[in-house]
N, C-alpha and C. Protein backbone atom coordinates (compact mmCIF):
# COMPACT_ATOMS: atom_id res chain seq x y z
N UNK A 1 -20.23 -3.42 23.13
CA UNK A 1 -19.97 -3.98 22.66
C UNK A 1 -20.72 -3.38 20.39
N UNK A 2 -21.50 -2.09 21.10
CA UNK A 2 -21.77 -1.23 20.03
C UNK A 2 -21.16 -0.52 18.97
N UNK A 3 -20.10 0.97 20.28
CA UNK A 3 -19.11 1.20 19.92
C UNK A 3 -17.90 1.07 18.76
N UNK A 4 -17.39 -0.29 19.55
CA UNK A 4 -16.44 -0.99 18.51
C UNK A 4 -17.13 -1.39 17.39
N UNK A 5 -18.65 -1.65 16.92
CA UNK A 5 -18.96 -1.58 15.37
C UNK A 5 -19.08 -0.78 15.56
N UNK A 6 -18.61 0.40 15.52
CA UNK A 6 -18.99 1.28 14.93
C UNK A 6 -17.33 2.16 14.91
N UNK A 7 -16.64 1.77 15.49
CA UNK A 7 -15.39 1.69 15.43
C UNK A 7 -14.90 0.81 13.84
N UNK A 8 -15.25 -0.70 14.01
CA UNK A 8 -15.43 -1.37 12.32
C UNK A 8 -15.33 -0.47 11.87
N UNK A 9 -16.54 -0.29 11.49
CA UNK A 9 -16.99 1.16 9.54
C UNK A 9 -16.09 1.86 10.39
N UNK A 10 -15.91 2.56 10.45
CA UNK A 10 -14.87 4.14 10.55
C UNK A 10 -13.36 3.64 10.26
N UNK A 11 -13.12 2.61 10.77
CA UNK A 11 -11.76 2.12 10.60
C UNK A 11 -11.29 1.69 8.60
N UNK A 12 -13.30 0.77 8.56
CA UNK A 12 -12.47 0.17 6.80
C UNK A 12 -13.15 1.29 5.69
N UNK A 13 -13.47 2.92 6.09
CA UNK A 13 -14.03 3.72 5.39
C UNK A 13 -16.30 3.50 5.16
N UNK A 14 -16.50 2.75 5.17
CA UNK A 14 -17.44 2.66 4.29
C UNK A 14 -18.94 2.36 5.54
N UNK A 15 -19.97 2.72 5.19
CA UNK A 15 -21.22 2.43 5.52
C UNK A 15 -21.85 0.77 5.71
N UNK A 16 -21.25 0.11 6.65
CA UNK A 16 -21.42 -1.80 5.65
C UNK A 16 -23.31 -2.50 6.97
N UNK A 17 -23.62 -1.68 7.58
CA UNK A 17 -25.02 -1.97 8.74
C UNK A 17 -24.35 -3.29 9.38
N UNK A 18 -23.64 -2.46 9.55
CA UNK A 18 -23.38 -3.79 11.54
C UNK A 18 -24.04 -4.08 12.06
N UNK A 19 -24.83 -2.30 12.04
CA UNK A 19 -26.23 -2.14 13.06
C UNK A 19 -27.64 -1.55 13.52
N UNK A 20 -27.79 -2.14 11.12
CA UNK A 20 -28.45 -2.89 10.86
C UNK A 20 -29.84 -1.91 10.67
N UNK A 21 -30.93 -0.68 11.07
CA UNK A 21 -31.51 0.23 11.24
C UNK A 21 -30.70 1.40 11.82
N UNK A 22 -29.63 1.44 12.16
CA UNK A 22 -29.16 2.37 12.86
C UNK A 22 -28.61 3.35 11.59
N UNK A 23 -28.00 2.47 11.05
CA UNK A 23 -27.06 2.50 9.83
C UNK A 23 -28.07 3.97 9.21
N UNK A 24 -29.40 3.20 9.37
CA UNK A 24 -29.72 4.01 7.57
C UNK A 24 -30.00 5.61 8.14
N UNK A 25 -29.88 5.94 9.27
CA UNK A 25 -30.70 7.51 9.89
C UNK A 25 -29.16 8.08 10.28
N UNK A 26 -30.52 8.91 11.14
CA UNK A 26 -28.55 10.38 11.28
C UNK A 26 -27.66 9.80 12.43
N UNK A 27 -28.11 8.80 13.21
CA UNK A 27 -27.44 8.44 14.16
C UNK A 27 -26.23 6.85 13.61
N UNK A 28 -26.07 7.01 12.38
CA UNK A 28 -24.68 6.52 12.26
C UNK A 28 -23.43 6.58 12.14
N UNK A 29 -22.79 6.40 12.49
CA UNK A 29 -21.42 6.84 12.56
C UNK A 29 -20.73 6.80 11.80
N UNK A 30 -20.64 6.54 10.27
CA UNK A 30 -20.51 7.17 9.54
C UNK A 30 -21.06 8.23 8.88
N UNK A 31 -21.99 9.11 9.44
CA UNK A 31 -22.18 9.87 9.32
C UNK A 31 -21.49 11.17 10.24
N UNK A 32 -21.92 10.58 11.20
CA UNK A 32 -21.72 11.55 12.64
C UNK A 32 -19.85 11.83 12.90
N UNK A 33 -19.08 10.88 11.91
CA UNK A 33 -17.54 10.77 12.11
C UNK A 33 -17.09 10.49 10.87
N UNK A 34 -16.98 10.24 10.98
CA UNK A 34 -16.32 9.72 9.42
C UNK A 34 -15.58 9.20 9.27
N UNK A 35 -14.35 9.97 10.33
CA UNK A 35 -13.03 9.38 10.02
C UNK A 35 -12.38 7.96 10.55
N UNK A 36 -11.73 7.51 10.79
CA UNK A 36 -11.32 6.55 11.14
C UNK A 36 -10.47 6.50 12.98
N UNK A 37 -10.89 5.83 14.01
CA UNK A 37 -10.37 5.80 14.95
C UNK A 37 -9.11 6.26 15.86
N UNK A 38 -9.34 6.71 16.98
CA UNK A 38 -8.02 6.67 17.24
C UNK A 38 -6.99 8.32 16.77
N UNK A 39 -6.22 9.20 17.02
CA UNK A 39 -5.82 10.04 17.66
C UNK A 39 -5.10 11.58 16.49
N UNK A 40 -5.46 9.99 15.16
CA UNK A 40 -4.33 10.30 14.35
C UNK A 40 -5.52 9.54 12.66
N UNK A 41 -6.95 9.61 13.55
CA UNK A 41 -7.98 9.82 12.66
C UNK A 41 -8.33 10.26 11.57
N UNK A 42 -8.26 12.01 12.13
CA UNK A 42 -8.78 12.95 11.05
C UNK A 42 -7.63 13.00 10.28
N UNK A 43 -7.08 12.25 10.36
CA UNK A 43 -5.86 12.94 9.79
C UNK A 43 -5.89 11.55 8.04
N UNK A 44 -5.23 12.39 7.12
CA UNK A 44 -5.23 12.24 5.42
C UNK A 44 -5.01 10.14 5.23
N UNK A 45 -6.57 8.77 4.87
CA UNK A 45 -6.47 8.08 4.46
C UNK A 45 -5.03 7.25 3.65
N UNK A 46 -4.44 6.82 3.68
CA UNK A 46 -3.70 6.05 2.97
C UNK A 46 -3.80 4.70 2.86
N UNK A 47 -3.15 5.06 1.50
CA UNK A 47 -3.89 4.18 0.26
C UNK A 47 -3.59 2.80 0.88
N UNK A 48 -4.66 1.03 1.07
CA UNK A 48 -3.95 0.33 1.82
C UNK A 48 -3.04 -0.18 0.80
N UNK A 49 -2.54 -0.96 1.46
CA UNK A 49 -1.45 -2.06 0.63
C UNK A 49 -1.93 -2.93 -0.28
N UNK A 50 -1.68 -4.64 -0.69
CA UNK A 50 -1.99 -4.91 -1.11
C UNK A 50 -2.71 -6.37 -0.55
N UNK A 51 -1.52 -6.18 0.71
CA UNK A 51 -2.57 -7.58 1.77
C UNK A 51 -3.41 -6.65 2.47
N UNK A 52 -3.28 -5.50 2.62
CA UNK A 52 -4.13 -4.31 3.22
C UNK A 52 -6.06 -4.39 2.37
N UNK A 53 -5.76 -4.50 1.15
CA UNK A 53 -7.05 -4.20 0.15
C UNK A 53 -7.51 -5.91 0.58
N UNK A 54 -7.18 -6.70 0.82
CA UNK A 54 -7.61 -7.77 1.01
C UNK A 54 -8.54 -9.02 2.08
N UNK A 55 -7.54 -7.83 3.12
CA UNK A 55 -7.97 -8.24 4.27
C UNK A 55 -9.14 -7.22 5.43
N UNK A 56 -8.78 -6.00 4.22
CA UNK A 56 -10.03 -5.33 4.74
C UNK A 56 -11.68 -5.56 3.77
N UNK A 57 -11.41 -7.23 2.57
CA UNK A 57 -12.23 -7.29 2.61
C UNK A 57 -13.41 -8.62 2.70
N UNK A 58 -12.33 -9.16 3.36
CA UNK A 58 -12.31 -9.73 4.10
C UNK A 58 -13.58 -9.51 5.67
N UNK A 59 -12.58 -8.60 6.16
CA UNK A 59 -13.17 -7.89 7.19
C UNK A 59 -14.52 -7.89 7.29
N UNK A 60 -15.33 -6.86 6.24
CA UNK A 60 -15.85 -6.62 5.80
C UNK A 60 -17.01 -7.32 6.37
N UNK A 61 -16.62 -8.39 5.08
CA UNK A 61 -18.02 -9.28 4.80
C UNK A 61 -17.87 -10.30 6.33
N UNK A 62 -16.47 -10.35 7.70
CA UNK A 62 -16.25 -11.32 8.79
C UNK A 62 -17.90 -10.47 9.58
N UNK A 63 -17.18 -9.17 9.12
CA UNK A 63 -18.31 -7.99 10.66
C UNK A 63 -20.18 -7.75 9.65
N UNK A 64 -19.86 -7.48 8.54
CA UNK A 64 -21.26 -7.40 8.42
C UNK A 64 -22.50 -8.66 8.99
N UNK A 65 -22.19 -9.77 8.95
CA UNK A 65 -23.09 -11.05 8.71
C UNK A 65 -22.70 -11.83 10.13
N UNK A 66 -21.18 -11.21 10.57
CA UNK A 66 -20.63 -11.71 12.18
C UNK A 66 -19.88 -13.20 12.04
N UNK A 67 -19.56 -13.54 11.53
CA UNK A 67 -18.47 -14.40 11.26
C UNK A 67 -17.83 -14.72 11.72
N UNK A 68 -16.83 -15.52 11.02
CA UNK A 68 -15.11 -15.77 11.83
C UNK A 68 -14.54 -16.41 10.65
N UNK A 69 -13.27 -16.52 11.13
CA UNK A 69 -12.60 -16.76 10.16
C UNK A 69 -12.51 -18.25 9.02
N UNK A 70 -12.90 -19.37 9.69
CA UNK A 70 -13.15 -20.38 9.21
C UNK A 70 -14.47 -20.24 8.09
N UNK A 71 -15.27 -20.05 9.12
CA UNK A 71 -16.65 -19.69 8.52
C UNK A 71 -16.98 -19.32 7.34
N UNK A 72 -16.14 -18.02 7.18
CA UNK A 72 -15.75 -17.67 5.47
C UNK A 72 -15.17 -17.80 4.60
N UNK A 73 -13.63 -19.37 5.04
CA UNK A 73 -12.88 -20.55 4.11
C UNK A 73 -14.23 -21.38 4.04
N UNK A 74 -14.67 -21.55 4.37
CA UNK A 74 -15.49 -22.86 4.56
C UNK A 74 -16.22 -22.25 2.92
N UNK A 75 -16.54 -21.04 3.59
CA UNK A 75 -17.79 -21.00 2.09
C UNK A 75 -17.17 -20.60 1.12
N UNK A 76 -15.92 -19.94 0.75
CA UNK A 76 -15.06 -19.61 0.27
C UNK A 76 -14.89 -20.61 -0.52
N UNK A 77 -14.28 -22.49 -0.28
CA UNK A 77 -14.35 -23.61 -0.68
C UNK A 77 -15.29 -24.12 -0.99
N UNK A 78 -16.74 -24.14 -0.55
CA UNK A 78 -17.47 -24.51 -1.16
C UNK A 78 -17.96 -24.00 -2.40
N UNK A 79 -17.66 -23.23 -2.20
CA UNK A 79 -18.33 -22.05 -3.31
C UNK A 79 -17.15 -22.40 -4.86
N UNK A 80 -16.37 -22.33 -5.01
CA UNK A 80 -14.68 -23.14 -5.74
C UNK A 80 -15.27 -23.94 -6.54
N UNK A 81 -15.71 -24.87 -5.65
CA UNK A 81 -16.61 -26.77 -5.82
C UNK A 81 -17.69 -26.04 -6.91
N UNK A 82 -18.68 -25.30 -6.51
CA UNK A 82 -19.66 -24.70 -7.28
C UNK A 82 -19.46 -24.51 -8.39
N UNK A 83 -20.65 -25.16 -9.35
CA UNK A 83 -20.27 -24.52 -10.59
C UNK A 83 -21.02 -22.86 -10.27
N UNK A 84 -21.38 -22.51 -12.03
CA UNK A 84 -21.68 -21.08 -12.08
C UNK A 84 -20.26 -19.81 -11.38
N UNK A 85 -21.08 -18.80 -11.53
CA UNK A 85 -20.35 -17.57 -10.65
C UNK A 85 -20.01 -17.65 -9.96
N UNK A 86 -17.95 -17.63 -9.56
CA UNK A 86 -18.02 -18.38 -7.73
C UNK A 86 -18.44 -17.19 -6.98
N UNK A 87 -18.44 -15.89 -7.67
CA UNK A 87 -18.60 -14.09 -6.38
C UNK A 87 -19.96 -14.71 -6.95
N UNK A 88 -20.45 -14.81 -7.28
CA UNK A 88 -21.79 -14.72 -6.81
C UNK A 88 -22.56 -15.67 -6.25
N UNK A 89 -22.23 -17.45 -5.51
CA UNK A 89 -22.19 -18.58 -4.70
C UNK A 89 -21.66 -18.33 -3.81
N UNK A 90 -21.43 -17.10 -3.23
CA UNK A 90 -20.41 -17.32 -2.17
C UNK A 90 -21.12 -15.96 -1.54
N UNK A 91 -22.17 -15.08 -2.89
CA UNK A 91 -22.75 -14.18 -1.63
C UNK A 91 -24.35 -14.99 -1.48
N UNK A 92 -24.26 -15.50 -2.57
CA UNK A 92 -25.45 -16.71 -1.77
C UNK A 92 -25.93 -17.72 -1.06
N UNK A 93 -24.46 -17.87 -0.72
CA UNK A 93 -24.03 -18.50 0.74
C UNK A 93 -24.52 -18.05 1.44
N UNK A 94 -23.78 -16.67 1.67
CA UNK A 94 -24.04 -15.18 2.71
C UNK A 94 -25.02 -15.49 3.30
N UNK A 95 -26.38 -14.91 1.97
CA UNK A 95 -27.80 -14.52 2.19
C UNK A 95 -28.72 -15.21 1.97
N UNK A 96 -28.53 -16.24 2.44
CA UNK A 96 -29.54 -17.48 2.40
C UNK A 96 -29.70 -18.09 4.07
N UNK A 97 -28.54 -17.47 4.59
CA UNK A 97 -28.03 -17.70 5.66
C UNK A 97 -29.38 -16.52 6.89
N UNK A 98 -29.93 -18.27 7.81
CA UNK A 98 -31.01 -18.05 8.39
C UNK A 98 -30.92 -17.26 9.33
N UNK A 99 -30.09 -16.37 9.62
CA UNK A 99 -29.48 -15.40 10.69
C UNK A 99 -30.68 -13.93 9.42
N UNK A 100 -28.94 -14.02 8.74
CA UNK A 100 -29.18 -12.86 7.57
C UNK A 100 -31.05 -12.78 7.08
N UNK A 101 -31.48 -14.07 6.36
CA UNK A 101 -32.88 -13.15 6.11
C UNK A 101 -33.28 -12.86 7.27
N UNK A 102 -33.77 -13.00 8.27
CA UNK A 102 -34.26 -12.92 9.52
C UNK A 102 -34.31 -11.23 10.09
N UNK A 103 -33.03 -11.09 8.94
CA UNK A 103 -32.85 -9.30 9.16
C UNK A 103 -33.45 -9.38 8.17
N UNK A 104 -33.22 -9.71 7.15
CA UNK A 104 -33.40 -8.88 5.35
C UNK A 104 -35.01 -8.90 6.06
N UNK A 105 -36.31 -9.34 6.25
CA UNK A 105 -37.40 -9.64 6.56
C UNK A 105 -37.60 -8.82 7.32
N UNK A 106 -37.09 -8.01 8.41
CA UNK A 106 -37.29 -7.07 9.42
C UNK A 106 -37.73 -7.76 10.05
N UNK A 107 -37.49 -8.66 10.66
CA UNK A 107 -37.48 -8.87 11.53
C UNK A 107 -37.34 -8.71 13.33
N UNK A 108 -36.00 -8.02 12.59
CA UNK A 108 -34.89 -8.09 13.79
C UNK A 108 -34.45 -7.06 13.16
N UNK A 109 -34.00 -5.94 14.46
CA UNK A 109 -33.11 -4.49 13.57
C UNK A 109 -31.63 -4.63 12.91
N UNK A 110 -31.84 -5.88 13.20
CA UNK A 110 -29.72 -6.35 12.96
C UNK A 110 -29.41 -7.51 12.62
N UNK A 111 -28.33 -7.98 12.08
CA UNK A 111 -28.03 -9.03 11.96
C UNK A 111 -27.68 -10.05 13.61
N UNK A 112 -26.38 -9.28 13.43
CA UNK A 112 -26.82 -9.59 15.28
C UNK A 112 -27.87 -10.17 16.46
N UNK A 113 -29.37 -9.48 16.37
CA UNK A 113 -30.00 -9.61 16.82
C UNK A 113 -30.63 -10.35 16.45
N UNK A 114 -31.12 -10.58 15.22
CA UNK A 114 -31.53 -11.66 14.12
C UNK A 114 -30.47 -12.94 14.75
N UNK A 115 -29.13 -13.66 14.75
CA UNK A 115 -28.60 -14.77 14.93
C UNK A 115 -29.41 -15.07 16.27
N UNK A 116 -29.11 -13.87 17.53
CA UNK A 116 -29.94 -14.37 18.84
C UNK A 116 -30.95 -15.07 19.05
N UNK A 117 -32.16 -14.15 17.57
CA UNK A 117 -33.56 -14.62 17.95
C UNK A 117 -33.56 -16.10 17.75
N UNK A 118 -32.85 -15.75 16.35
CA UNK A 118 -33.15 -17.97 16.08
C UNK A 118 -32.18 -18.33 16.84
N UNK A 119 -31.36 -18.35 17.75
CA UNK A 119 -30.64 -19.39 18.71
C UNK A 119 -31.51 -19.54 19.72
N UNK A 120 -31.57 -18.47 19.70
CA UNK A 120 -33.27 -19.17 21.14
C UNK A 120 -34.30 -19.19 20.63
N UNK A 121 -34.56 -20.23 19.31
CA UNK A 121 -35.77 -20.58 19.16
C UNK A 121 -36.71 -19.75 18.91
N UNK A 122 -36.76 -18.72 18.68
CA UNK A 122 -38.16 -17.79 18.47
C UNK A 122 -38.15 -17.78 16.58
N UNK A 123 -37.52 -18.80 15.87
CA UNK A 123 -37.90 -18.36 14.28
C UNK A 123 -38.49 -19.42 13.93
N UNK A 124 -39.32 -20.18 12.94
CA UNK A 124 -39.90 -20.89 12.30
C UNK A 124 -39.44 -21.21 10.58
N UNK A 125 -39.05 -22.72 10.33
CA UNK A 125 -39.37 -22.26 9.01
C UNK A 125 -39.93 -23.84 8.38
N UNK A 126 -41.21 -23.22 7.58
CA UNK A 126 -42.13 -23.51 7.75
C UNK A 126 -43.21 -24.79 8.70
N UNK A 127 -43.14 -24.14 9.51
CA UNK A 127 -43.84 -24.23 11.09
C UNK A 127 -42.99 -25.45 11.94
N UNK A 128 -41.67 -25.33 12.21
CA UNK A 128 -40.64 -25.68 12.70
C UNK A 128 -39.51 -25.32 12.99
N UNK A 129 -39.44 -25.30 14.29
CA UNK A 129 -38.95 -24.29 15.27
C UNK A 129 -37.65 -24.33 14.33
N UNK A 130 -36.61 -23.88 14.24
CA UNK A 130 -35.31 -23.46 13.54
C UNK A 130 -34.35 -22.16 14.43
N UNK A 131 -33.26 -23.19 15.02
CA UNK A 131 -32.24 -22.49 15.37
C UNK A 131 -30.72 -22.52 15.26
N UNK A 132 -30.28 -22.63 13.80
CA UNK A 132 -29.33 -23.38 13.44
C UNK A 132 -29.04 -21.33 12.68
N UNK A 133 -28.30 -21.05 13.52
CA UNK A 133 -28.55 -18.66 12.21
C UNK A 133 -27.94 -19.78 11.09
N UNK A 134 -26.75 -20.14 11.12
CA UNK A 134 -25.78 -20.43 9.44
C UNK A 134 -27.14 -21.90 8.38
N UNK A 135 -27.28 -21.66 9.43
CA UNK A 135 -28.83 -22.59 8.28
C UNK A 135 -29.06 -21.40 7.33
N UNK A 136 -29.20 -23.34 5.99
CA UNK A 136 -29.33 -22.65 4.16
C UNK A 136 -30.31 -22.47 4.39
N UNK A 137 -31.10 -20.88 4.01
CA UNK A 137 -32.94 -21.62 2.97
C UNK A 137 -32.89 -21.47 1.94
N UNK A 138 -33.96 -22.93 1.59
CA UNK A 138 -34.47 -22.81 -0.03
C UNK A 138 -35.20 -22.08 -0.20
N UNK A 139 -35.74 -22.20 -1.92
CA UNK A 139 -37.35 -21.78 -2.44
C UNK A 139 -37.97 -22.53 -1.63
N UNK A 140 -38.80 -21.56 -1.60
CA UNK A 140 -40.57 -22.45 -0.95
C UNK A 140 -40.73 -22.03 0.57
N UNK A 141 -39.61 -22.48 1.48
CA UNK A 141 -39.66 -22.45 2.15
C UNK A 141 -39.92 -20.86 2.84
N UNK A 142 -41.08 -21.22 4.14
CA UNK A 142 -41.54 -20.28 5.24
C UNK A 142 -40.96 -20.32 6.73
N UNK A 143 -41.39 -18.33 6.51
CA UNK A 143 -39.99 -18.27 7.82
C UNK A 143 -40.68 -17.57 8.51
N UNK A 144 -41.27 -17.38 10.15
CA UNK A 144 -42.14 -16.75 10.85
C UNK A 144 -42.11 -17.11 11.96
N UNK A 145 -42.27 -15.81 13.01
CA UNK A 145 -42.11 -15.26 14.41
C UNK A 145 -42.64 -16.24 15.16
N UNK A 146 -41.90 -16.86 16.23
CA UNK A 146 -43.23 -17.74 17.52
C UNK A 146 -43.63 -16.89 17.51
N UNK A 147 -45.65 -16.79 18.71
CA UNK A 147 -46.33 -15.95 18.76
C UNK A 147 -45.98 -15.58 20.86
N UNK A 148 -45.01 -16.14 20.90
CA UNK A 148 -44.49 -15.55 22.52
C UNK A 148 -43.22 -14.65 22.05
N UNK A 149 -42.36 -14.99 20.76
CA UNK A 149 -41.64 -13.77 20.15
C UNK A 149 -42.11 -11.88 19.95
N UNK A 150 -43.06 -12.69 19.40
CA UNK A 150 -43.57 -10.93 19.07
C UNK A 150 -44.18 -10.69 20.15
N UNK A 151 -44.18 -10.71 20.82
CA UNK A 151 -45.43 -10.30 22.93
C UNK A 151 -43.82 -9.49 23.61
N UNK A 152 -42.77 -10.48 23.03
CA UNK A 152 -41.71 -10.38 23.96
C UNK A 152 -40.79 -9.57 23.24
N UNK A 153 -39.87 -10.45 22.04
CA UNK A 153 -38.47 -9.74 22.25
C UNK A 153 -38.31 -9.55 20.79
N UNK A 154 -39.15 -9.78 20.38
CA UNK A 154 -39.91 -8.61 18.51
C UNK A 154 -41.39 -7.58 19.02
N UNK A 155 -41.37 -7.14 20.07
CA UNK A 155 -42.21 -5.76 20.55
C UNK A 155 -41.99 -4.74 19.15
N UNK A 156 -43.68 -4.27 18.52
CA UNK A 156 -43.90 -2.85 17.87
C UNK A 156 -43.75 -3.07 16.72
N UNK A 157 -43.53 -4.60 16.27
CA UNK A 157 -42.70 -5.43 15.22
C UNK A 157 -44.02 -5.15 13.86
N UNK A 158 -45.16 -4.83 14.05
CA UNK A 158 -46.45 -4.78 13.48
C UNK A 158 -45.77 -2.63 12.83
N UNK A 159 -45.49 -2.00 13.72
CA UNK A 159 -45.18 -0.58 12.89
C UNK A 159 -43.76 -1.18 12.44
N UNK A 160 -42.74 -1.88 12.92
CA UNK A 160 -41.63 -1.63 12.00
C UNK A 160 -41.89 -2.29 10.90
N UNK A 161 -42.82 -3.34 10.63
CA UNK A 161 -42.32 -3.92 9.28
C UNK A 161 -43.82 -3.33 8.33
N UNK A 162 -43.96 -1.81 9.24
CA UNK A 162 -44.80 -0.68 7.82
C UNK A 162 -43.81 -0.31 6.83
N UNK A 163 -42.85 -0.16 7.00
CA UNK A 163 -42.18 0.32 6.44
C UNK A 163 -40.49 -0.42 5.62
N UNK A 164 -41.35 -1.61 5.26
CA UNK A 164 -40.06 -2.54 5.35
C UNK A 164 -40.09 -3.17 4.70
N UNK A 165 -39.09 -3.47 2.99
CA UNK A 165 -39.13 -3.83 1.80
C UNK A 165 -38.34 -4.75 1.19
N UNK A 166 -38.87 -6.22 1.72
CA UNK A 166 -38.10 -6.91 0.90
C UNK A 166 -37.43 -6.95 0.00
N UNK A 167 -36.38 -8.01 0.12
CA UNK A 167 -35.11 -8.42 -1.38
C UNK A 167 -36.67 -8.40 -2.29
N UNK A 168 -36.11 -8.31 -3.43
CA UNK A 168 -36.53 -9.13 -4.55
C UNK A 168 -36.89 -10.99 -4.20
N UNK A 169 -36.08 -11.54 -3.76
CA UNK A 169 -35.74 -12.98 -3.62
C UNK A 169 -36.79 -13.24 -2.61
N UNK A 170 -37.55 -12.35 -1.83
CA UNK A 170 -38.36 -13.36 -0.81
C UNK A 170 -39.33 -12.32 -0.41
N UNK A 171 -40.54 -12.70 -0.46
CA UNK A 171 -42.21 -12.10 -0.22
C UNK A 171 -42.16 -11.98 0.83
N UNK A 172 -42.50 -11.02 1.58
CA UNK A 172 -43.21 -11.23 2.47
C UNK A 172 -44.79 -10.25 2.88
N UNK A 173 -45.38 -11.14 4.28
CA UNK A 173 -46.60 -11.03 3.98
C UNK A 173 -46.21 -10.55 5.92
N UNK A 174 -47.11 -9.11 6.00
CA UNK A 174 -46.30 -8.56 6.96
C UNK A 174 -47.61 -8.06 8.38
N UNK A 175 -49.08 -8.36 7.65
CA UNK A 175 -50.15 -9.68 8.62
C UNK A 175 -50.37 -10.33 9.45
N UNK A 176 -49.32 -11.57 9.06
CA UNK A 176 -48.84 -13.07 9.52
C UNK A 176 -47.77 -12.65 9.77
N UNK A 177 -47.14 -12.16 9.14
CA UNK A 177 -45.49 -12.23 9.94
C UNK A 177 -44.67 -13.30 9.46
N UNK A 178 -44.80 -13.43 8.07
CA UNK A 178 -44.48 -14.90 7.65
C UNK A 178 -44.14 -14.29 6.64
N UNK A 179 -42.19 -14.40 6.00
CA UNK A 179 -41.38 -14.46 4.48
C UNK A 179 -41.42 -15.43 4.05
N UNK A 180 -41.47 -15.76 2.43
CA UNK A 180 -41.46 -16.75 1.14
C UNK A 180 -40.61 -16.57 0.34
N UNK A 181 -39.48 -17.92 0.55
CA UNK A 181 -38.73 -17.84 -0.29
C UNK A 181 -39.08 -18.48 -1.80
N UNK A 182 -38.88 -17.43 -2.41
CA UNK A 182 -39.60 -16.79 -3.27
C UNK A 182 -38.32 -17.64 -5.09
N UNK A 183 -37.51 -16.69 -4.52
CA UNK A 183 -36.46 -17.31 -5.67
C UNK A 183 -34.93 -17.06 -5.21
N UNK A 184 -34.26 -16.70 -6.14
CA UNK A 184 -32.81 -16.67 -5.88
C UNK A 184 -31.91 -15.35 -4.95
N UNK A 185 -30.92 -15.02 -4.49
CA UNK A 185 -30.19 -13.69 -4.41
C UNK A 185 -28.68 -13.42 -5.09
N UNK A 186 -29.66 -12.46 -5.93
CA UNK A 186 -28.42 -11.97 -6.90
C UNK A 186 -27.86 -10.82 -6.27
N UNK A 187 -26.23 -10.59 -7.23
CA UNK A 187 -24.89 -9.59 -6.16
C UNK A 187 -26.05 -8.10 -5.78
N UNK A 188 -27.40 -7.46 -7.17
CA UNK A 188 -27.69 -6.37 -6.91
C UNK A 188 -28.40 -6.14 -5.71
N UNK A 189 -28.76 -7.51 -5.53
CA UNK A 189 -29.88 -7.58 -3.58
C UNK A 189 -29.13 -7.39 -3.08
N UNK A 190 -27.63 -7.03 -3.43
CA UNK A 190 -27.09 -7.29 -2.12
C UNK A 190 -26.50 -5.39 -1.19
N UNK A 191 -26.79 -5.49 0.32
CA UNK A 191 -26.51 -4.52 0.78
C UNK A 191 -25.49 -2.97 0.72
N UNK A 192 -23.77 -4.19 0.79
CA UNK A 192 -22.84 -3.82 0.01
C UNK A 192 -21.79 -3.87 -0.64
N UNK A 193 -20.88 -3.47 -1.70
CA UNK A 193 -20.36 -4.07 -2.36
C UNK A 193 -19.39 -4.39 -1.70
N UNK A 194 -18.32 -5.49 -2.19
CA UNK A 194 -17.94 -6.75 -1.37
C UNK A 194 -16.87 -7.04 -2.53
N UNK A 195 -15.71 -7.54 -2.75
CA UNK A 195 -14.61 -8.44 -3.81
C UNK A 195 -14.67 -9.34 -3.56
N UNK A 196 -15.59 -10.40 -3.43
CA UNK A 196 -15.05 -11.42 -2.74
C UNK A 196 -14.15 -12.41 -3.97
N UNK A 197 -12.99 -12.38 -4.38
CA UNK A 197 -11.71 -12.53 -5.33
C UNK A 197 -11.17 -12.22 -4.49
N UNK A 198 -11.14 -10.92 -4.10
CA UNK A 198 -9.87 -10.57 -3.08
C UNK A 198 -10.52 -11.41 -1.54
N UNK A 199 -11.22 -11.79 -1.41
CA UNK A 199 -11.43 -12.41 -0.27
C UNK A 199 -10.50 -13.86 -0.24
N UNK A 200 -11.01 -13.89 -1.72
CA UNK A 200 -10.09 -15.62 -1.96
C UNK A 200 -9.27 -15.98 -2.16
N UNK A 201 -8.03 -14.82 -3.29
CA UNK A 201 -6.93 -14.28 -2.53
C UNK A 201 -6.27 -14.41 -1.92
N UNK A 202 -6.92 -13.80 -0.37
CA UNK A 202 -6.35 -13.80 0.90
C UNK A 202 -6.41 -14.92 1.06
N UNK A 203 -7.55 -15.69 1.74
CA UNK A 203 -6.60 -16.89 1.22
C UNK A 203 -6.04 -18.32 1.55
N UNK A 204 -5.10 -17.88 0.25
CA UNK A 204 -4.68 -18.78 -1.18
C UNK A 204 -3.24 -18.29 -0.82
N UNK A 205 -2.90 -17.18 0.01
CA UNK A 205 -1.80 -16.15 0.35
C UNK A 205 -0.74 -17.81 1.41
């Protein structure tokens, strides 16, 4: 799976933090081998077709957040019916997913790992177990890690959290290992660039 994810980044030609912290260091696949995978990978990249550009943006969101087409399309549909900026509404849905919040707080090394931690019941919201990765966190919610998880799946988290800087819309208590949602995510808080309108156009074809 690890090599598959690395090939996805190389194929899309952009660092997407699919593998979390590994993407920020020298082991990042995009630093070691930035060319596309395959025997013709080192050849000059061709400009994608109009459909290719739409598909590429959709794939970026799919692999970054670990979603399937049904999930992405659902967020697009809900965001269209919601007041406000359409693209920002979609990004808020993506960023406020519990698995993403767990990752952004530094409780997991990647969104994939965060999803596993949540699914296995290691995360709490306001003191109660939360095991649904797609759950939308709300302002005022306090996200924590169960003690048994700190001793097992989250070993070494104290040292890791020393270098973690939570997004502006979250407050991280490194001593208590809890994060509080204090605001709303904005476009500049997202770790990557994506054209949400192209994803909407992709599903409208």
